[in-house]
Amino acid sequence: MSDEIRPQPGILDIALYEGGQSHVAGVANALKLSSNENPFGPSDRTKEAFLRSVHQLHRYPSTDHASLRRAIGEVHGLDPARIICGVGSDEIITFLCQAYAGPGDEVMRTEHGFLMYDISARAVGATPVAVPERERTTDVDALLAACTDRTKLVFLANPNNPTGTMIGAGEVARLADGLPPQAILVLDGAYAEYVPGFDSGAALVEARANVVMTRTFSKIYGLGGLRIGWGYGPQAIIDVLNRIRGPFNLSTTQLETAEAAVHDQEHVAKCRAENARMRRWLAEALAELGVPSDTSTANFILARFADTAEAEACDEFLKARGLIVRRVASYGLPHCLRITIGDEAACRRVAHAIGQFKGPKE
């Protein structure tokens, strides 16, 4: 490459994002529990909408996403005009960084926060700032203390990935109220549906001019393969984001499938209940084996081992038995493994295998 051809500052500082492993060499039909996918997949109603969309493949999709925004608004009690749809919630995160951050600005996240926040910040030349957590839980005081006049965006995943922990509405409101005037609080609610009665911060968005929330169809709706997300915020911010959104960023297939999914709340409720049941069972089973985890509010648990060596050895042991979980050293947790809550058979397989790894108690 010519010495004169250079990418924008910050681009070469981006470490490539690595998703959860899907295959193990030499192992057929491995069980993937590394990407927090819904083991039950999308509902029948959702799959039917996906199949019907094939008849419209020759047509350009809607540019305003009006039907999907209206459906989301009806289900969640939100103003459709203040909803923006994107290619997963990742794209909404990217839009926010593109629109509100740049060279000389800071984009803040918690210590063990989602890696895409840093990637999107660096892509626009901004500086990512990681703020310490307290026992793998968001520390609002630490976030407020870390704010400067350069802070433009503060990303808070609640529940957090990969820890599974969350903070209450009062603490989130305290954070929003304490931010400097130029900063936007972004509430990432990728796992919000797993918390009964949780609005993911919608009430905060309604009451304040500096809060945006993001959501996804990739988790409880079982549509990770289609990449559909959305955001909700003050009208002024949503209007700005729509100026940089590609007019055809979502296909008709994505739009119609997501609309069917959001209307099928019975499926969501069943998945939430089954996830809670097996999450509790798996956490207790592993605790009895000497593998603790924090109380998770998402569809995974963060299993803690004695040290990095034990976590890596357990991961290799599981892979040899066709069980794929997620190492999280890149999140600053090298002694942990993140384990997606699968169906009952999957959870029992994981617990049994970890029991074999730990060996008989002395």
Protein backbone atom coordinates (compact mmCIF):
# COMPACT_ATOMS: atom_id res chain seq x y z
CA MET A 1 0.00 0.00 0.00
CA SER A 2 1.19 3.49 -0.78
CA ASP A 3 2.54 5.45 2.19
CA GLU A 4 0.24 8.26 1.13
CA ILE A 5 -2.93 6.15 1.43
CA ARG A 6 -3.87 6.02 5.08
CA PRO A 7 -7.10 5.22 6.94
CA GLN A 8 -8.61 7.74 9.29
CA PRO A 9 -7.04 7.94 12.77
CA GLY A 10 -8.33 5.25 15.09
CA ILE A 11 -9.22 2.69 12.41
CA LEU A 12 -5.99 0.68 12.75
CA ASP A 13 -6.47 0.64 16.53
CA ILE A 14 -9.61 -1.46 16.15
CA ALA A 15 -9.21 -5.09 17.14
CA LEU A 16 -11.46 -7.24 14.98
CA TYR A 17 -14.60 -8.36 16.79
CA GLU A 18 -14.79 -12.12 17.20
CA GLY A 19 -18.20 -13.66 17.63
CA GLY A 20 -18.88 -16.81 19.58
CA GLN A 21 -17.23 -19.92 18.16
CA SER A 22 -19.59 -22.12 16.12
CA HIS A 23 -17.53 -25.22 15.30
CA VAL A 24 -14.95 -27.48 16.89
CA ALA A 25 -12.45 -29.22 14.64
CA GLY A 26 -13.08 -32.94 14.54
CA VAL A 27 -16.38 -32.71 16.43
CA ALA A 28 -19.64 -33.18 14.56
CA ASN A 29 -22.89 -31.56 15.72
CA ALA A 30 -21.30 -29.45 18.45
CA LEU A 31 -23.72 -27.65 20.76
CA LYS A 32 -23.23 -23.88 20.46
CA LEU A 33 -23.71 -22.00 23.71
CA SER A 34 -21.36 -19.12 22.90
CA SER A 35 -23.51 -16.37 21.35
CA ASN A 36 -26.55 -16.02 23.64
CA GLU A 37 -28.95 -17.29 21.00
CA ASN A 38 -32.50 -18.38 21.82
CA PRO A 39 -32.47 -22.20 21.71
CA PHE A 40 -36.14 -22.21 20.66
CA GLY A 41 -35.59 -19.88 17.71
CA PRO A 42 -38.32 -17.65 16.27
CA SER A 43 -42.01 -18.43 16.65
CA ASP A 44 -44.01 -20.24 13.97
CA ARG A 45 -45.82 -16.99 13.20
CA THR A 46 -42.48 -15.29 12.63
CA LYS A 47 -41.19 -18.06 10.37
CA GLU A 48 -44.36 -17.88 8.28
CA ALA A 49 -43.82 -14.15 7.71
CA PHE A 50 -40.24 -14.84 6.65
CA LEU A 51 -41.41 -17.39 4.07
CA ARG A 52 -44.11 -15.08 2.68
CA SER A 53 -41.55 -12.34 2.10
CA VAL A 54 -39.96 -14.33 -0.73
CA HIS A 55 -42.67 -13.04 -3.06
CA GLN A 56 -41.40 -9.47 -2.65
CA LEU A 57 -37.69 -10.02 -3.23
CA HIS A 58 -37.73 -8.06 -6.48
CA ARG A 59 -39.16 -4.97 -4.76
CA TYR A 60 -37.24 -2.32 -2.88
CA PRO A 61 -38.17 -2.21 0.80
CA SER A 62 -39.85 0.63 2.64
CA THR A 63 -37.51 3.48 3.43
CA ASP A 64 -39.38 4.72 6.49
CA HIS A 65 -40.01 1.36 8.24
CA ALA A 66 -43.41 2.76 9.21
CA SER A 67 -45.20 -0.56 9.65
CA LEU A 68 -42.52 -2.07 11.89
CA ARG A 69 -42.15 1.15 13.91
CA ARG A 70 -45.91 1.22 14.40
CA ALA A 71 -45.92 -2.41 15.58
CA ILE A 72 -43.08 -1.78 18.03
CA GLY A 73 -44.88 1.32 19.29
CA GLU A 74 -48.13 -0.60 19.85
CA VAL A 75 -46.47 -3.42 21.77
CA HIS A 76 -44.24 -1.24 23.94
CA GLY A 77 -46.44 1.84 24.27
CA LEU A 78 -44.00 4.12 22.44
CA ASP A 79 -44.32 6.92 19.90
CA PRO A 80 -43.46 5.36 16.50
CA ALA A 81 -42.10 8.69 15.27
CA ARG A 82 -39.31 8.43 17.85
CA ILE A 83 -38.27 4.89 16.83
CA ILE A 84 -35.43 4.17 14.41
CA CYS A 85 -34.70 0.72 12.96
CA GLY A 86 -31.31 -0.66 12.05
CA VAL A 87 -29.23 -3.67 11.12
CA GLY A 88 -29.18 -5.01 14.64
CA SER A 89 -28.81 -2.63 17.56
CA ASP A 90 -25.14 -2.51 16.51
CA GLU A 91 -26.08 -0.17 13.66
CA ILE A 92 -27.91 2.19 16.02
CA ILE A 93 -24.76 2.27 18.17
CA THR A 94 -22.75 3.11 15.05
CA PHE A 95 -25.18 5.89 14.08
CA LEU A 96 -24.87 7.46 17.54
CA CYS A 97 -21.08 7.50 17.35
CA GLN A 98 -21.11 8.86 13.80
CA ALA A 99 -23.53 11.63 14.70
CA TYR A 100 -22.31 12.68 18.13
CA ALA A 101 -18.63 11.75 18.54
CA GLY A 102 -15.36 12.35 16.70
CA PRO A 103 -11.68 13.18 17.17
CA GLY A 104 -11.03 14.67 20.58
CA ASP A 105 -14.26 13.28 22.05
CA GLU A 106 -14.64 10.48 24.57
CA VAL A 107 -17.08 7.56 24.44
CA MET A 108 -17.55 5.90 27.80
CA ARG A 109 -18.52 2.36 28.76
CA THR A 110 -18.31 0.19 31.87
CA GLU A 111 -15.24 -1.98 32.46
CA HIS A 112 -16.81 -5.19 31.14
CA GLY A 113 -19.11 -3.57 28.59
CA PHE A 114 -19.94 -4.74 25.06
CA LEU A 115 -16.92 -4.55 22.73
CA MET A 116 -18.85 -2.86 19.90
CA TYR A 117 -18.91 0.40 21.87
CA ASP A 118 -15.13 0.71 21.55
CA ILE A 119 -15.14 -0.36 17.91
CA SER A 120 -17.75 2.22 16.91
CA ALA A 121 -15.97 4.94 18.90
CA ARG A 122 -12.59 4.26 17.29
CA ALA A 123 -14.19 4.12 13.84
CA VAL A 124 -15.07 7.82 14.13
CA GLY A 125 -11.78 8.81 15.72
CA ALA A 126 -13.16 9.16 19.24
CA THR A 127 -11.43 7.84 22.35
CA PRO A 128 -13.08 4.94 24.19
CA VAL A 129 -12.96 5.13 27.98
CA ALA A 130 -13.52 2.07 30.19
CA VAL A 131 -14.75 2.81 33.72
CA PRO A 132 -14.26 0.30 36.57
CA GLU A 133 -17.22 -1.71 37.76
CA ARG A 134 -17.88 -2.85 41.32
CA GLU A 135 -17.96 -6.65 41.59
CA ARG A 136 -18.84 -6.94 37.89
CA THR A 137 -21.74 -4.49 38.31
CA THR A 138 -22.08 -0.95 36.94
CA ASP A 139 -20.78 1.68 39.35
CA VAL A 140 -22.72 4.91 38.72
CA ASP A 141 -20.44 6.98 40.97
CA ALA A 142 -17.39 5.84 39.01
CA LEU A 143 -19.06 6.70 35.70
CA LEU A 144 -20.00 10.19 36.88
CA ALA A 145 -16.52 10.77 38.26
CA ALA A 146 -14.97 9.78 34.92
CA CYS A 147 -17.01 12.28 32.89
CA THR A 148 -15.21 15.27 31.40
CA ASP A 149 -16.08 18.09 29.04
CA ARG A 150 -15.06 15.71 26.23
CA THR A 151 -17.56 12.99 27.15
CA LYS A 152 -20.14 12.73 24.37
CA LEU A 153 -21.68 9.27 24.77
CA VAL A 154 -22.05 6.95 27.77
CA PHE A 155 -23.01 3.39 26.86
CA LEU A 156 -24.68 1.27 29.53
CA ALA A 157 -25.82 -2.28 28.77
CA ASN A 158 -28.52 -3.10 31.30
CA PRO A 159 -28.57 -6.09 31.75
CA ASN A 160 -24.88 -6.15 30.93
CA ASN A 161 -23.08 -8.52 28.58
CA PRO A 162 -21.06 -10.57 29.52
CA THR A 163 -21.73 -10.26 33.27
CA GLY A 164 -25.52 -10.62 33.27
CA THR A 165 -25.82 -8.07 36.09
CA MET A 166 -27.98 -4.94 36.05
CA ILE A 167 -28.73 -1.83 38.07
CA GLY A 168 -32.12 -0.44 39.04
CA ALA A 169 -34.10 2.41 37.50
CA GLY A 170 -33.19 4.80 40.30
CA GLU A 171 -29.47 4.37 39.69
CA VAL A 172 -29.91 4.75 35.92
CA ALA A 173 -31.88 7.97 36.49
CA ARG A 174 -29.15 9.25 38.80
CA LEU A 175 -26.61 8.60 36.06
CA ALA A 176 -28.71 10.41 33.43
CA ASP A 177 -29.22 13.39 35.72
CA GLY A 178 -25.54 13.64 36.62
CA LEU A 179 -24.04 13.61 33.13
CA PRO A 180 -22.47 16.76 31.70
CA PRO A 181 -24.83 18.71 29.42
CA GLN A 182 -23.21 17.63 26.14
CA ALA A 183 -23.39 13.87 26.89
CA ILE A 184 -25.99 11.31 25.81
CA LEU A 185 -26.75 8.23 27.91
CA VAL A 186 -27.34 5.18 25.69
CA LEU A 187 -29.17 2.31 27.37
CA ASP A 188 -28.45 -0.93 25.54
CA GLY A 189 -31.40 -3.23 26.19
CA ALA A 190 -30.39 -6.25 24.11
CA TYR A 191 -31.42 -8.52 26.98
CA ALA A 192 -34.28 -6.41 28.35
CA GLU A 193 -37.00 -8.92 27.42
CA TYR A 194 -35.52 -11.46 29.82
CA VAL A 195 -36.40 -9.19 32.77
CA PRO A 196 -40.14 -9.39 33.60
CA GLY A 197 -41.85 -5.99 33.46
CA PHE A 198 -38.69 -4.11 32.50
CA ASP A 199 -39.12 -1.18 30.09
CA SER A 200 -35.38 -0.94 29.31
CA GLY A 201 -35.42 2.73 30.25
CA ALA A 202 -38.33 3.89 28.09
CA ALA A 203 -39.69 6.03 30.93
CA LEU A 204 -36.31 7.73 31.25
CA VAL A 205 -36.27 8.44 27.52
CA GLU A 206 -39.73 9.99 27.80
CA ALA A 207 -38.72 12.22 30.70
CA ARG A 208 -35.32 13.42 29.54
CA ALA A 209 -33.65 14.93 26.49
CA ASN A 210 -30.33 13.10 26.94
CA VAL A 211 -31.30 9.40 26.99
CA VAL A 212 -31.60 6.95 24.10
CA MET A 213 -32.33 3.22 24.34
CA THR A 214 -31.54 0.43 21.91
CA ARG A 215 -33.17 -2.98 21.51
CA THR A 216 -32.71 -6.02 19.30
CA PHE A 217 -34.59 -8.89 17.70
CA SER A 218 -31.47 -11.08 17.89
CA LYS A 219 -31.95 -12.52 21.38
CA ILE A 220 -35.34 -13.52 22.76
CA TYR A 221 -37.04 -13.19 19.36
CA GLY A 222 -34.58 -15.71 17.89
CA LEU A 223 -33.66 -13.60 14.84
CA GLY A 224 -29.91 -13.18 15.26
CA GLY A 225 -29.36 -14.38 11.70
CA LEU A 226 -31.52 -11.59 10.23
CA ARG A 227 -29.86 -8.65 12.03
CA ILE A 228 -32.71 -6.36 13.11
CA GLY A 229 -32.61 -3.80 15.90
CA TRP A 230 -34.20 -0.52 16.89
CA GLY A 231 -33.72 2.52 19.03
CA TYR A 232 -35.96 4.98 20.85
CA GLY A 233 -35.02 8.49 21.87
CA PRO A 234 -35.84 12.18 21.91
CA GLN A 235 -37.27 13.33 18.57
CA ALA A 236 -34.32 15.66 17.93
CA ILE A 237 -31.79 12.83 18.28
CA ILE A 238 -33.81 10.36 16.20
CA ASP A 239 -34.14 12.99 13.45
CA VAL A 240 -30.35 13.36 13.40
CA LEU A 241 -29.77 9.60 13.25
CA ASN A 242 -32.19 9.24 10.34
CA ARG A 243 -30.09 11.71 8.34
CA ILE A 244 -27.19 9.24 8.27
CA ARG A 245 -29.23 6.03 8.08
CA GLY A 246 -29.13 4.41 4.67
CA PRO A 247 -32.60 4.62 3.08
CA PHE A 248 -32.73 0.86 2.41
CA ASN A 249 -30.80 -0.40 5.43
CA LEU A 250 -33.43 -3.08 6.17
CA SER A 251 -34.89 -5.48 3.63
CA THR A 252 -38.57 -6.31 3.28
CA THR A 253 -37.78 -9.74 4.71
CA GLN A 254 -36.25 -8.19 7.82
CA LEU A 255 -39.08 -5.70 8.27
CA GLU A 256 -41.96 -8.14 7.82
CA THR A 257 -40.36 -10.89 9.88
CA ALA A 258 -39.64 -8.52 12.76
CA GLU A 259 -43.16 -7.15 12.66
CA ALA A 260 -44.60 -10.64 13.02
CA ALA A 261 -42.14 -11.39 15.82
CA VAL A 262 -42.95 -8.35 17.94
CA HIS A 263 -46.67 -9.11 17.71
CA ASP A 264 -46.12 -12.67 19.02
CA GLN A 265 -45.63 -11.81 22.68
CA GLU A 266 -46.93 -15.21 23.76
CA HIS A 267 -43.75 -16.74 22.30
CA VAL A 268 -41.65 -14.13 24.10
CA ALA A 269 -43.33 -14.95 27.42
CA LYS A 270 -42.74 -18.69 26.98
CA CYS A 271 -39.07 -18.17 26.13
CA ARG A 272 -38.61 -15.81 29.08
CA ALA A 273 -40.15 -18.27 31.53
CA GLU A 274 -38.16 -21.24 30.27
CA ASN A 275 -34.94 -19.22 30.27
CA ALA A 276 -35.51 -18.16 33.89
CA ARG A 277 -36.19 -21.76 34.93
CA MET A 278 -33.07 -23.21 33.33
CA ARG A 279 -30.86 -20.24 34.24
CA ARG A 280 -31.70 -20.77 37.90
CA TRP A 281 -31.12 -24.52 37.61
CA LEU A 282 -27.77 -24.19 35.83
CA ALA A 283 -26.46 -21.51 38.19
CA GLU A 284 -27.33 -23.67 41.21
CA ALA A 285 -25.88 -26.82 39.63
CA LEU A 286 -22.58 -25.11 38.86
CA ALA A 287 -22.43 -23.46 42.30
CA GLU A 288 -22.66 -26.91 43.87
CA LEU A 289 -19.63 -27.86 41.78
CA GLY A 290 -17.64 -24.90 43.10
CA VAL A 291 -18.23 -22.69 40.04
CA PRO A 292 -20.01 -19.51 41.21
CA SER A 293 -21.75 -16.88 39.12
CA ASP A 294 -23.42 -13.56 39.82
CA THR A 295 -27.21 -13.44 39.71
CA SER A 296 -27.92 -13.12 35.99
CA THR A 297 -30.88 -11.26 34.52
CA ALA A 298 -30.11 -12.27 30.91
CA ASN A 299 -29.99 -15.53 28.92
CA PHE A 300 -26.53 -16.57 30.04
CA ILE A 301 -24.46 -16.95 33.16
CA LEU A 302 -20.88 -15.87 33.73
CA ALA A 303 -19.20 -18.88 35.34
CA ARG A 304 -16.17 -17.94 37.48
CA PHE A 305 -13.19 -20.25 37.92
CA ALA A 306 -10.20 -20.13 40.25
CA ASP A 307 -7.95 -18.56 37.63
CA THR A 308 -7.35 -18.16 33.90
CA ALA A 309 -5.69 -21.56 33.59
CA GLU A 310 -8.68 -23.39 35.07
CA ALA A 311 -11.16 -21.47 32.88
CA GLU A 312 -9.20 -22.25 29.72
CA ALA A 313 -8.75 -25.89 30.70
CA CYS A 314 -12.50 -26.22 31.31
CA ASP A 315 -13.22 -24.62 27.95
CA GLU A 316 -10.96 -27.14 26.20
CA PHE A 317 -12.59 -29.98 28.15
CA LEU A 318 -16.06 -28.83 27.06
CA LYS A 319 -15.02 -28.40 23.42
CA ALA A 320 -13.66 -31.93 23.32
CA ARG A 321 -17.16 -33.05 24.29
CA GLY A 322 -18.89 -30.92 21.66
CA LEU A 323 -19.91 -28.08 23.98
CA ILE A 324 -18.97 -24.56 22.85
CA VAL A 325 -19.07 -21.74 25.41
CA ARG A 326 -17.45 -18.30 25.30
CA ARG A 327 -14.12 -17.24 26.71
CA VAL A 328 -14.32 -13.62 27.81
CA ALA A 329 -10.70 -12.58 28.33
CA SER A 330 -11.27 -9.81 25.78
CA TYR A 331 -13.83 -8.37 28.21
CA GLY A 332 -11.28 -8.34 31.04
CA LEU A 333 -12.58 -11.58 32.55
CA PRO A 334 -9.98 -14.25 31.66
CA HIS A 335 -10.96 -16.47 34.59
CA CYS A 336 -14.58 -16.71 33.43
CA LEU A 337 -16.62 -18.53 30.81
CA ARG A 338 -19.93 -17.15 29.54
CA ILE A 339 -22.47 -19.91 29.04
CA THR A 340 -25.68 -19.34 27.08
CA ILE A 341 -28.82 -20.80 28.65
CA GLY A 342 -29.89 -23.51 26.21
CA ASP A 343 -32.85 -25.84 26.50
CA GLU A 344 -33.04 -28.28 29.41
CA ALA A 345 -31.04 -31.00 27.67
CA ALA A 346 -28.26 -28.54 26.82
CA CYS A 347 -28.05 -27.18 30.36
CA ARG A 348 -27.87 -30.67 31.82
CA ARG A 349 -25.11 -31.62 29.37
CA VAL A 350 -23.05 -28.59 30.36
CA ALA A 351 -23.50 -29.16 34.08
CA HIS A 352 -22.60 -32.83 33.73
CA ALA A 353 -19.48 -32.05 31.71
CA ILE A 354 -18.27 -29.38 34.13
CA GLY A 355 -18.89 -31.84 36.94
CA GLN A 356 -16.62 -34.32 35.15
CA PHE A 357 -14.01 -31.61 34.66
CA LYS A 358 -14.03 -30.62 38.33
CA GLY A 359 -13.79 -34.25 39.39
CA PRO A 360 -15.03 -35.85 42.61
CA LYS A 361 -15.04 -33.72 45.73
CA GLU A 362 -12.39 -34.59 48.28
